[in-house]
C-alpha atoms as a PDB file:
ATOM      1  CA  MET A   1     -97.070  66.399-231.102  1.00  0.00           C
ATOM      2  CA  SER A   2     -99.215  68.221-230.461  1.00  0.00           C
ATOM      3  CA  LEU A   3    -101.269  67.813-226.813  1.00  0.00           C
ATOM      4  CA  LEU A   4    -104.399  66.461-228.536  1.00  0.00           C
ATOM      5  CA  ILE A   5    -102.449  63.540-229.722  1.00  0.00           C
ATOM      6  CA  ALA A   6    -100.769  63.069-226.140  1.00  0.00           C
ATOM      7  CA  LEU A   7    -104.292  63.493-224.307  1.00  0.00           C
ATOM      8  CA  LEU A   8    -105.226  60.557-227.084  1.00  0.00           C
ATOM      9  CA  LEU A   9    -102.786  58.328-226.231  1.00  0.00           C
ATOM     10  CA  GLN A  10    -103.238  58.246-222.869  1.00  0.00           C
ATOM     11  CA  VAL A  11    -107.055  56.888-222.928  1.00  0.00           C
ATOM     12  CA  GLY A  12    -106.063  54.620-225.615  1.00  0.00           C
ATOM     13  CA  PRO A  13    -105.755  50.707-225.060  1.00  0.00           C
ATOM     14  CA  ASP A  14    -105.223  50.100-221.976  1.00  0.00           C
ATOM     15  CA  PRO A  15    -103.791  46.486-220.267  1.00  0.00           C
ATOM     16  CA  MET A  16    -104.523  48.003-216.890  1.00  0.00           C
ATOM     17  CA  ARG A  17    -107.890  47.539-217.446  1.00  0.00           C
ATOM     18  CA  GLY A  18    -109.186  44.444-216.105  1.00  0.00           C
ATOM     19  CA  ALA A  19    -112.602  43.226-215.406  1.00  0.00           C
ATOM     20  CA  LEU A  20    -114.249  43.309-218.905  1.00  0.00           C
ATOM     21  CA  PRO A  21    -116.388  40.523-219.977  1.00  0.00           C
ATOM     22  CA  ASP A  22    -114.089  39.649-222.867  1.00  0.00           C
ATOM     23  CA  ASP A  23    -111.014  39.396-220.735  1.00  0.00           C
ATOM     24  CA  ASP A  24    -109.407  36.511-220.885  1.00  0.00           C
ATOM     25  CA  LEU A  25    -107.819  37.284-217.400  1.00  0.00           C
ATOM     26  CA  VAL A  26    -111.154  37.574-216.073  1.00  0.00           C
ATOM     27  CA  ARG A  27    -112.851  34.632-217.775  1.00  0.00           C
ATOM     28  CA  ASP A  28    -110.630  31.872-217.176  1.00  0.00           C
ATOM     29  CA  ARG A  29    -108.055  31.899-214.441  1.00  0.00           C
ATOM     30  CA  PRO A  30    -106.196  29.569-214.645  1.00  0.00           C
ATOM     31  CA  PRO A  31    -106.390  28.518-218.376  1.00  0.00           C
ATOM     32  CA  ARG A  32    -109.169  25.731-218.411  1.00  0.00           C
ATOM     33  CA  GLU A  33    -106.211  22.855-218.913  1.00  0.00           C
ATOM     34  CA  ALA A  34    -104.295  23.508-216.683  1.00  0.00           C
ATOM     35  CA  ALA A  35    -107.365  23.946-213.993  1.00  0.00           C
ATOM     36  CA  ARG A  36    -108.761  20.672-215.003  1.00  0.00           C
ATOM     37  CA  SER A  37    -104.759  18.955-214.708  1.00  0.00           C
ATOM     38  CA  ALA A  38    -104.363  20.417-211.237  1.00  0.00           C
ATOM     39  CA  LEU A  39    -107.414  19.409-209.642  1.00  0.00           C
ATOM     40  CA  ALA A  40    -107.580  15.989-210.973  1.00  0.00           C
ATOM     41  CA  GLN A  41    -103.683  15.591-210.074  1.00  0.00           C
ATOM     42  CA  GLU A  42    -104.601  17.523-206.364  1.00  0.00           C
ATOM     43  CA  MET A  43    -108.000  16.036-205.448  1.00  0.00           C
ATOM     44  CA  LEU A  44    -106.982  12.809-206.799  1.00  0.00           C
ATOM     45  CA  ASN A  45    -110.811  11.490-207.115  1.00  0.00           C
ATOM     46  CA  PRO A  46    -112.157   9.369-209.303  1.00  0.00           C
ATOM     47  CA  THR A  47    -115.128  11.537-210.272  1.00  0.00           C
ATOM     48  CA  THR A  48    -112.646  14.323-211.935  1.00  0.00           C
ATOM     49  CA  ALA A  49    -113.882  12.264-214.836  1.00  0.00           C
ATOM     50  CA  TRP A  50    -117.200  14.185-214.314  1.00  0.00           C
ATOM     51  CA  LEU A  51    -115.537  17.337-214.316  1.00  0.00           C
ATOM     52  CA  GLU A  52    -113.948  16.330-217.650  1.00  0.00           C
ATOM     53  CA  ARG A  53    -117.524  16.204-219.194  1.00  0.00           C
ATOM     54  CA  CYS A  54    -119.180  19.533-217.751  1.00  0.00           C
ATOM     55  CA  LEU A  55    -115.777  21.338-218.741  1.00  0.00           C
ATOM     56  CA  ASP A  56    -116.206  19.787-222.243  1.00  0.00           C
ATOM     57  CA  GLN A  57    -120.313  20.557-222.307  1.00  0.00           C
ATOM     58  CA  LEU A  58    -118.964  24.171-222.091  1.00  0.00           C
ATOM     59  CA  ALA A  59    -117.092  24.426-225.315  1.00  0.00           C
ATOM     60  CA  GLU A  60    -121.051  23.848-226.975  1.00  0.00           C
ATOM     61  CA  ASP A  61    -123.848  24.588-224.485  1.00  0.00           C
ATOM     62  CA  PRO A  62    -122.455  26.580-221.677  1.00  0.00           C
ATOM     63  CA  ALA A  63    -125.862  27.039-220.674  1.00  0.00           C
ATOM     64  CA  ARG A  64    -126.612  23.471-220.537  1.00  0.00           C
ATOM     65  CA  ALA A  65    -123.079  23.220-218.789  1.00  0.00           C
ATOM     66  CA  HIS A  66    -123.999  25.568-215.382  1.00  0.00           C
ATOM     67  CA  ALA A  67    -127.643  23.346-215.111  1.00  0.00           C
ATOM     68  CA  MET A  68    -125.663  20.100-214.555  1.00  0.00           C
ATOM     69  CA  ALA A  69    -123.453  21.979-212.639  1.00  0.00           C
ATOM     70  CA  GLN A  70    -125.813  23.035-210.365  1.00  0.00           C
ATOM     71  CA  ILE A  71    -128.108  19.620-210.096  1.00  0.00           C
ATOM     72  CA  ARG A  72    -124.511  18.302-209.271  1.00  0.00           C
ATOM     73  CA  ARG A  73    -124.131  20.399-206.450  1.00  0.00           C
ATOM     74  CA  SER A  74    -127.038  20.284-205.416  1.00  0.00           C
ATOM     75  CA  GLU A  75    -126.669  16.777-205.158  1.00  0.00           C
ATOM     76  CA  THR A  76    -123.039  15.964-203.716  1.00  0.00           C
ATOM     77  CA  SER A  77    -120.470  16.908-200.815  1.00  0.00           C
ATOM     78  CA  GLY A  78    -116.882  16.632-200.521  1.00  0.00           C
ATOM     79  CA  ALA A  79    -115.319  16.460-203.154  1.00  0.00           C
ATOM     80  CA  ASP A  80    -117.289  16.209-206.126  1.00  0.00           C
ATOM     81  CA  ARG A  81    -119.386  19.418-204.577  1.00  0.00           C
ATOM     82  CA  VAL A  82    -116.042  21.368-204.869  1.00  0.00           C
ATOM     83  CA  LEU A  83    -115.967  20.442-208.754  1.00  0.00           C
ATOM     84  CA  ALA A  84    -119.542  21.187-209.315  1.00  0.00           C
ATOM     85  CA  ASN A  85    -119.020  24.448-208.072  1.00  0.00           C
ATOM     86  CA  HIS A  86    -115.522  24.716-210.117  1.00  0.00           C
ATOM     87  CA  CYS A  87    -117.930  23.947-213.086  1.00  0.00           C
ATOM     88  CA  LEU A  88    -120.621  25.865-212.476  1.00  0.00           C
ATOM     89  CA  GLY A  89    -118.385  28.841-211.553  1.00  0.00           C
ATOM     90  CA  THR A  90    -116.424  28.281-215.038  1.00  0.00           C
ATOM     91  CA  ALA A  91    -119.699  28.185-217.347  1.00  0.00           C
ATOM     92  CA  ALA A  92    -120.691  31.614-215.250  1.00  0.00           C
ATOM     93  CA  THR A  93    -118.347  33.069-216.384  1.00  0.00           C
ATOM     94  CA  GLU A  94    -118.827  32.020-220.194  1.00  0.00           C
ATOM     95  CA  LEU A  95    -122.192  33.206-219.383  1.00  0.00           C
ATOM     96  CA  GLY A  96    -121.147  36.195-218.267  1.00  0.00           C
ATOM     97  CA  LEU A  97    -122.947  35.520-215.086  1.00  0.00           C
ATOM     98  CA  TRP A  98    -120.009  37.290-212.736  1.00  0.00           C
ATOM     99  CA  GLU A  99    -121.786  36.904-209.126  1.00  0.00           C
ATOM    100  CA  ASP A 100    -123.046  33.394-209.932  1.00  0.00           C
ATOM    101  CA  ALA A 101    -119.352  32.639-210.932  1.00  0.00           C
ATOM    102  CA  ARG A 102    -117.819  34.449-207.879  1.00  0.00           C
ATOM    103  CA  MET A 103    -120.266  32.645-205.023  1.00  0.00           C
ATOM    104  CA  ALA A 104    -119.579  29.238-206.629  1.00  0.00           C
ATOM    105  CA  PHE A 105    -115.604  29.844-207.391  1.00  0.00           C
ATOM    106  CA  ILE A 106    -115.898  31.477-203.343  1.00  0.00           C
ATOM    107  CA  ALA A 107    -118.187  27.917-201.970  1.00  0.00           C
ATOM    108  CA  ALA A 108    -115.387  25.548-204.156  1.00  0.00           C
ATOM    109  CA  ARG A 109    -112.567  27.420-201.704  1.00  0.00           C
ATOM    110  CA  GLU A 110    -114.494  27.300-198.937  1.00  0.00           C
ATOM    111  CA  GLU A 111    -114.974  23.665-199.227  1.00  0.00           C
ATOM    112  CA  THR A 112    -111.624  22.693-200.562  1.00  0.00           C
ATOM    113  CA  PRO A 113    -109.414  20.982-197.652  1.00  0.00           C
ATOM    114  CA  THR A 114    -107.816  23.844-195.972  1.00  0.00           C
ATOM    115  CA  GLU A 115    -104.153  21.857-196.612  1.00  0.00           C
ATOM    116  CA  GLU A 116    -104.639  22.289-200.221  1.00  0.00           C
ATOM    117  CA  SER A 117    -103.769  25.901-200.141  1.00  0.00           C
ATOM    118  CA  ARG A 118    -102.615  25.496-204.022  1.00  0.00           C
ATOM    119  CA  THR A 119    -106.315  24.559-204.480  1.00  0.00           C
ATOM    120  CA  ARG A 120    -107.569  26.944-202.514  1.00  0.00           C
ATOM    121  CA  ALA A 121    -105.845  29.976-204.143  1.00  0.00           C
ATOM    122  CA  ARG A 122    -107.004  29.174-207.482  1.00  0.00           C
ATOM    123  CA  PHE A 123    -110.241  29.245-206.363  1.00  0.00           C
ATOM    124  CA  ALA A 124    -109.637  32.300-204.701  1.00  0.00           C
ATOM    125  CA  THR A 125    -107.929  33.749-207.690  1.00  0.00           C
ATOM    126  CA  MET A 126    -110.901  32.975-209.644  1.00  0.00           C
ATOM    127  CA  ALA A 127    -113.284  33.976-207.914  1.00  0.00           C
ATOM    128  CA  GLY A 128    -111.783  37.643-207.786  1.00  0.00           C
ATOM    129  CA  ASN A 129    -111.561  37.654-211.343  1.00  0.00           C
ATOM    130  CA  ALA A 130    -115.517  37.280-211.385  1.00  0.00           C
ATOM    131  CA  ALA A 131    -115.997  40.085-208.687  1.00  0.00           C
ATOM    132  CA  LEU A 132    -113.754  42.811-211.036  1.00  0.00           C
ATOM    133  CA  ALA A 133    -116.346  41.735-214.107  1.00  0.00           C
ATOM    134  CA  SER A 134    -118.874  42.588-212.027  1.00  0.00           C
ATOM    135  CA  GLY A 135    -117.309  45.649-211.362  1.00  0.00           C
ATOM    136  CA  ASP A 136    -116.606  45.591-207.414  1.00  0.00           C
ATOM    137  CA  ALA A 137    -113.311  46.196-207.568  1.00  0.00           C
ATOM    138  CA  ALA A 138    -113.051  46.307-203.402  1.00  0.00           C
ATOM    139  CA  GLY A 139    -115.011  43.095-203.166  1.00  0.00           C
ATOM    140  CA  ALA A 140    -111.757  41.754-205.668  1.00  0.00           C
ATOM    141  CA  LEU A 141    -109.688  42.874-203.957  1.00  0.00           C
ATOM    142  CA  GLY A 142    -110.548  41.298-200.650  1.00  0.00           C
ATOM    143  CA  LEU A 143    -110.325  37.802-202.474  1.00  0.00           C
ATOM    144  CA  LEU A 144    -107.533  38.664-204.072  1.00  0.00           C
ATOM    145  CA  GLU A 145    -105.989  38.965-200.491  1.00  0.00           C
ATOM    146  CA  MET A 146    -106.871  35.929-199.549  1.00  0.00           C
ATOM    147  CA  ALA A 147    -105.362  34.339-203.114  1.00  0.00           C
ATOM    148  CA  GLU A 148    -102.237  35.477-202.366  1.00  0.00           C
ATOM    149  CA  SER A 149    -102.362  34.285-198.547  1.00  0.00           C
ATOM    150  CA  ASP A 150    -103.434  30.731-199.841  1.00  0.00           C
ATOM    151  CA  ALA A 151    -100.349  31.284-202.413  1.00  0.00           C
ATOM    152  CA  ARG A 152     -97.552  31.745-199.906  1.00  0.00           C
ATOM    153  CA  SER A 153     -98.975  29.017-197.581  1.00  0.00           C
ATOM    154  CA  ALA A 154     -98.591  26.752-200.354  1.00  0.00           C
ATOM    155  CA  ALA A 155     -94.797  28.515-201.457  1.00  0.00           C
ATOM    156  CA  SER A 156     -96.138  28.847-205.197  1.00  0.00           C
ATOM    157  CA  ALA A 157     -94.998  31.541-206.336  1.00  0.00           C
ATOM    158  CA  PRO A 158     -96.133  31.594-210.028  1.00  0.00           C
ATOM    159  CA  LEU A 159     -99.658  31.460-208.219  1.00  0.00           C
ATOM    160  CA  GLN A 160     -98.766  34.727-205.684  1.00  0.00           C
ATOM    161  CA  ALA A 161     -97.590  36.437-208.856  1.00  0.00           C
ATOM    162  CA  LEU A 162    -100.916  35.508-210.365  1.00  0.00           C
ATOM    163  CA  ALA A 163    -103.326  36.851-207.784  1.00  0.00           C
ATOM    164  CA  ALA A 164    -100.578  40.056-207.010  1.00  0.00           C
ATOM    165  CA  ILE A 165    -101.350  41.001-210.789  1.00  0.00           C
ATOM    166  CA  ASP A 166    -105.281  40.751-210.159  1.00  0.00           C
ATOM    167  CA  ARG A 167    -104.893  42.477-207.210  1.00  0.00           C
ATOM    168  CA  ALA A 168    -103.211  45.692-208.953  1.00  0.00           C
ATOM    169  CA  ARG A 169    -106.347  45.223-211.002  1.00  0.00           C
ATOM    170  CA  ALA A 170    -108.858  45.894-208.631  1.00  0.00           C
ATOM    171  CA  LEU A 171    -106.388  48.614-206.670  1.00  0.00           C
ATOM    172  CA  VAL A 172    -105.935  50.774-210.100  1.00  0.00           C
ATOM    173  CA  ALA A 173    -109.875  50.758-210.182  1.00  0.00           C
ATOM    174  CA  LEU A 174    -110.157  51.873-206.446  1.00  0.00           C
ATOM    175  CA  GLY A 175    -107.593  54.808-207.575  1.00  0.00           C
ATOM    176  CA  ARG A 176    -104.930  53.522-205.924  1.00  0.00           C
ATOM    177  CA  SER A 177    -102.051  53.229-207.995  1.00  0.00           C
ATOM    178  CA  GLU A 178     -98.786  53.427-205.545  1.00  0.00           C
ATOM    179  CA  GLU A 179    -100.700  50.252-203.935  1.00  0.00           C
ATOM    180  CA  ALA A 180    -100.725  48.878-207.303  1.00  0.00           C
ATOM    181  CA  LEU A 181     -97.255  49.688-208.262  1.00  0.00           C
ATOM    182  CA  ALA A 182     -96.126  47.883-205.335  1.00  0.00           C
ATOM    183  CA  ALA A 183     -97.915  44.505-206.115  1.00  0.00           C
ATOM    184  CA  LEU A 184     -96.765  44.446-209.392  1.00  0.00           C
ATOM    185  CA  GLY A 185     -93.547  44.999-208.314  1.00  0.00           C
ATOM    186  CA  ARG A 186     -94.093  41.940-205.995  1.00  0.00           C
ATOM    187  CA  ALA A 187     -95.062  40.029-208.842  1.00  0.00           C
ATOM    188  CA  THR A 188     -92.023  41.016-211.072  1.00  0.00           C
ATOM    189  CA  GLN A 189     -89.809  39.935-207.942  1.00  0.00           C
ATOM    190  CA  LEU A 190     -91.872  36.275-207.566  1.00  0.00           C
ATOM    191  CA  THR A 191     -91.719  35.539-211.118  1.00  0.00           C
ATOM    192  CA  PRO A 192     -89.220  38.206-213.035  1.00  0.00           C
ATOM    193  CA  ASP A 193     -89.499  36.326-216.158  1.00  0.00           C
ATOM    194  CA  ASN A 194     -93.446  37.094-216.237  1.00  0.00           C
ATOM    195  CA  THR A 195     -94.259  39.774-219.542  1.00  0.00           C
ATOM    196  CA  GLU A 196     -97.532  40.485-218.300  1.00  0.00           C
ATOM    197  CA  ALA A 197     -96.241  41.526-214.926  1.00  0.00           C
ATOM    198  CA  TRP A 198     -93.770  43.877-216.395  1.00  0.00           C
ATOM    199  CA  LEU A 199     -96.313  45.386-219.197  1.00  0.00           C
ATOM    200  CA  LEU A 200     -98.709  45.959-216.823  1.00  0.00           C
ATOM    201  CA  ASN A 201     -96.022  47.776-214.945  1.00  0.00           C
ATOM    202  CA  ALA A 202     -95.420  49.591-217.474  1.00  0.00           C
ATOM    203  CA  THR A 203     -98.962  50.993-218.323  1.00  0.00           C
ATOM    204  CA  LEU A 204     -98.968  52.197-214.782  1.00  0.00           C
ATOM    205  CA  LEU A 205     -96.024  53.892-214.540  1.00  0.00           C
ATOM    206  CA  ARG A 206     -96.976  55.769-217.869  1.00  0.00           C
ATOM    207  CA  ARG A 207    -100.242  56.456-216.474  1.00  0.00           C
ATOM    208  CA  LEU A 208     -98.428  58.062-213.560  1.00  0.00           C
ATOM    209  CA  ASP A 209     -96.459  60.041-216.209  1.00  0.00           C
ATOM    210  CA  ARG A 210     -93.042  58.181-214.784  1.00  0.00           C
ATOM    211  CA  LEU A 211     -91.663  57.623-218.604  1.00  0.00           C
ATOM    212  CA  GLY A 212     -88.210  56.932-217.515  1.00  0.00           C
ATOM    213  CA  LEU A 213     -89.621  54.204-215.252  1.00  0.00           C
ATOM    214  CA  ALA A 214     -92.061  52.828-217.950  1.00  0.00           C
ATOM    215  CA  GLN A 215     -89.047  52.995-220.781  1.00  0.00           C
ATOM    216  CA  GLU A 216     -87.414  50.434-218.536  1.00  0.00           C
ATOM    217  CA  ALA A 217     -90.305  48.471-218.043  1.00  0.00           C
ATOM    218  CA  ILE A 218     -91.431  48.058-221.270  1.00  0.00           C
ATOM    219  CA  GLU A 219     -88.084  47.220-222.727  1.00  0.00           C
ATOM    220  CA  ARG A 220     -87.560  44.504-220.128  1.00  0.00           C
ATOM    221  CA  ALA A 221     -91.539  43.186-221.664  1.00  0.00           C
ATOM    222  CA  ALA A 222     -89.867  43.705-224.673  1.00  0.00           C
ATOM    223  CA  SER A 223     -86.995  41.218-223.969  1.00  0.00           C
ATOM    224  CA  LEU A 224     -89.328  38.584-222.850  1.00  0.00           C
ATOM    225  CA  ALA A 225     -92.183  38.654-225.729  1.00  0.00           C
ATOM    226  CA  PRO A 226     -90.625  40.567-228.777  1.00  0.00           C
ATOM    227  CA  GLY A 227     -93.772  39.337-230.889  1.00  0.00           C
ATOM    228  CA  ASN A 228     -96.245  40.295-228.439  1.00  0.00           C
ATOM    229  CA  PRO A 229     -98.372  43.315-230.102  1.00  0.00           C
ATOM    230  CA  GLU A 230     -99.776  44.808-226.589  1.00  0.00           C
ATOM    231  CA  ILE A 231     -95.841  45.273-225.935  1.00  0.00           C
ATOM    232  CA  GLY A 232     -95.239  47.444-229.082  1.00  0.00           C
ATOM    233  CA  LEU A 233     -98.571  49.318-229.140  1.00  0.00           C
ATOM    234  CA  GLU A 234     -97.065  50.027-225.101  1.00  0.00           C
ATOM    235  CA  ALA A 235     -93.942  50.820-226.011  1.00  0.00           C
ATOM    236  CA  GLY A 236     -94.840  53.362-228.829  1.00  0.00           C
ATOM    237  CA  VAL A 237     -97.538  55.175-226.547  1.00  0.00           C
ATOM    238  CA  ILE A 238     -94.778  55.545-224.093  1.00  0.00           C
ATOM    239  CA  ALA A 239     -92.530  56.612-226.908  1.00  0.00           C
ATOM    240  CA  VAL A 240     -95.027  59.591-228.399  1.00  0.00           C
ATOM    241  CA  LEU A 241     -95.007  60.879-224.688  1.00  0.00           C
ATOM    242  CA  SER A 242     -91.382  60.760-224.111  1.00  0.00           C
ATOM    243  CA  GLY A 243     -91.214  63.127-227.352  1.00  0.00           C
ATOM    244  CA  ARG A 244     -89.404  60.102-229.433  1.00  0.00           C
ATOM    245  CA  ASP A 245     -91.879  60.246-232.562  1.00  0.00           C
ATOM    246  CA  GLU A 246     -89.873  58.171-234.905  1.00  0.00           C
ATOM    247  CA  ALA A 247     -89.594  55.276-232.404  1.00  0.00           C
ATOM    248  CA  ALA A 248     -93.333  55.327-231.474  1.00  0.00           C
ATOM    249  CA  ARG A 249     -93.589  54.721-235.535  1.00  0.00           C
ATOM    250  CA  GLU A 250     -91.446  52.077-235.500  1.00  0.00           C
ATOM    251  CA  SER A 251     -93.178  50.327-232.520  1.00  0.00           C
ATOM    252  CA  TRP A 252     -96.244  50.788-234.099  1.00  0.00           C
ATOM    253  CA  GLN A 253     -95.482  49.510-237.429  1.00  0.00           C
ATOM    254  CA  SER A 254     -94.274  46.622-235.684  1.00  0.00           C
ATOM    255  CA  VAL A 255     -97.575  45.891-234.447  1.00  0.00           C
ATOM    256  CA  ILE A 256     -98.909  45.735-237.521  1.00  0.00           C
ATOM    257  CA  ASN A 257     -96.007  44.039-239.358  1.00  0.00           C
ATOM    258  CA  LEU A 258     -96.535  41.084-236.570  1.00  0.00           C
ATOM    259  CA  ALA A 259     -99.897  40.477-236.336  1.00  0.00           C
ATOM    260  CA  PRO A 260    -102.254  43.020-239.054  1.00  0.00           C
ATOM    261  CA  GLU A 261    -105.321  41.319-238.692  1.00  0.00           C
ATOM    262  CA  SER A 262    -105.268  41.857-234.787  1.00  0.00           C
ATOM    263  CA  PRO A 263    -107.110  44.311-232.879  1.00  0.00           C
ATOM    264  CA  ALA A 264    -103.869  46.283-231.579  1.00  0.00           C
ATOM    265  CA  ALA A 265    -103.322  46.469-235.203  1.00  0.00           C
ATOM    266  CA  LYS A 266    -105.840  48.644-235.959  1.00  0.00           C
ATOM    267  CA  THR A 267    -104.903  50.751-233.264  1.00  0.00           C
ATOM    268  CA  ALA A 268    -101.722  51.348-234.085  1.00  0.00           C
ATOM    269  CA  GLN A 269    -102.523  52.241-237.628  1.00  0.00           C
ATOM    270  CA  GLY A 270    -105.118  54.995-235.843  1.00  0.00           C
ATOM    271  CA  TYR A 271    -102.275  56.239-233.610  1.00  0.00           C
ATOM    272  CA  LEU A 272     -99.415  56.770-236.778  1.00  0.00           C
ATOM    273  CA  THR A 273    -102.678  58.472-239.000  1.00  0.00           C
ATOM    274  CA  GLN A 274    -103.308  60.687-235.750  1.00  0.00           C
ATOM    275  CA  LEU A 275     -99.333  61.137-235.682  1.00  0.00           C
ATOM    276  CA  GLY A 276     -99.232  61.853-239.093  1.00  0.00           C
ATOM    277  CA  PRO A 277     -96.029  61.230-241.734  1.00  0.00           C
ATOM    278  CA  SER A 278     -92.386  61.509-240.384  1.00  0.00           C
ATOM    279  CA  GLU A 279     -90.972  64.875-240.437  1.00  0.00           C
ATOM    280  CA  ALA A 280     -87.298  63.712-240.485  1.00  0.00           C
ATOM    281  CA  ALA A 281     -86.886  61.713-243.398  1.00  0.00           C
ATOM    282  CA  PRO A 282     -86.529  63.912-246.477  1.00  0.00           C
ATOM    283  CA  ASP A 283     -88.684  64.603-249.399  1.00  0.00           C
ATOM    284  CA  GLN A 284     -87.942  62.409-251.835  1.00  0.00           C
ATOM    285  CA  GLU A 285     -87.399  63.850-255.595  1.00  0.00           C
ATOM    286  CA  PRO A 286     -90.089  62.314-258.408  1.00  0.00           C
ATOM    287  CA  PRO A 287     -88.720  59.758-260.652  1.00  0.00           C
ATOM    288  CA  ALA A 288     -87.570  61.474-263.978  1.00  0.00           C
END
């Protein structure tokens, strides 16, 4: 394997990147349907019907939903205002208005009763992701630390892990890789079956050239989600940097086979092209 290929692979697709406008983890954490259900159950407020209508509007016209939420927020207080800020923040993420989203989610958290720490943790996590998307990793870090504190108060391991994963993204953006590893380690302790945490852990370890540990982490991720193309892609990168070219070819080919039309498959094909044909396979005689 040439040094050029190794360098190209080092800066290849990176699930630690976060903070991108098209990153699902930034756009809507937790998933919209889960957020609806959780908020409806926890707020126990009949006006959650308005939130349903506002969130439904997002699919058709996010700008209209954004305007609806602004009006609602200016005319209400208490739980109604919390719900308005929730929809406003979600609409702002759809429109790429990251500062609007951050401020709306922060307001939603601050106006949620302190005893509802689970909901406060969700809003703080959403605000942190909006900050990451805007490029403010330092601001995101403070919000995500707040989210973890709220999640601990709620005794929610999944929410703690979610905030820890996103905190790791912020720490990576700030160049604090060792702290990011600790955050990801915390996430895997809290939720041992969290595929995302293991994948991100493997990626960061690979970037730090700790290939043996990266291999262990990617194997764990693969055991949890064997059909995930991003895992196959990262497994190939770790393999080729470890000098196991054939294993890399197998991983990348599996990505193409599993999801031939996906962006991961396109990247895998590019890596295979860079790596070139296998030297292990014997040349075949042409048919007579």
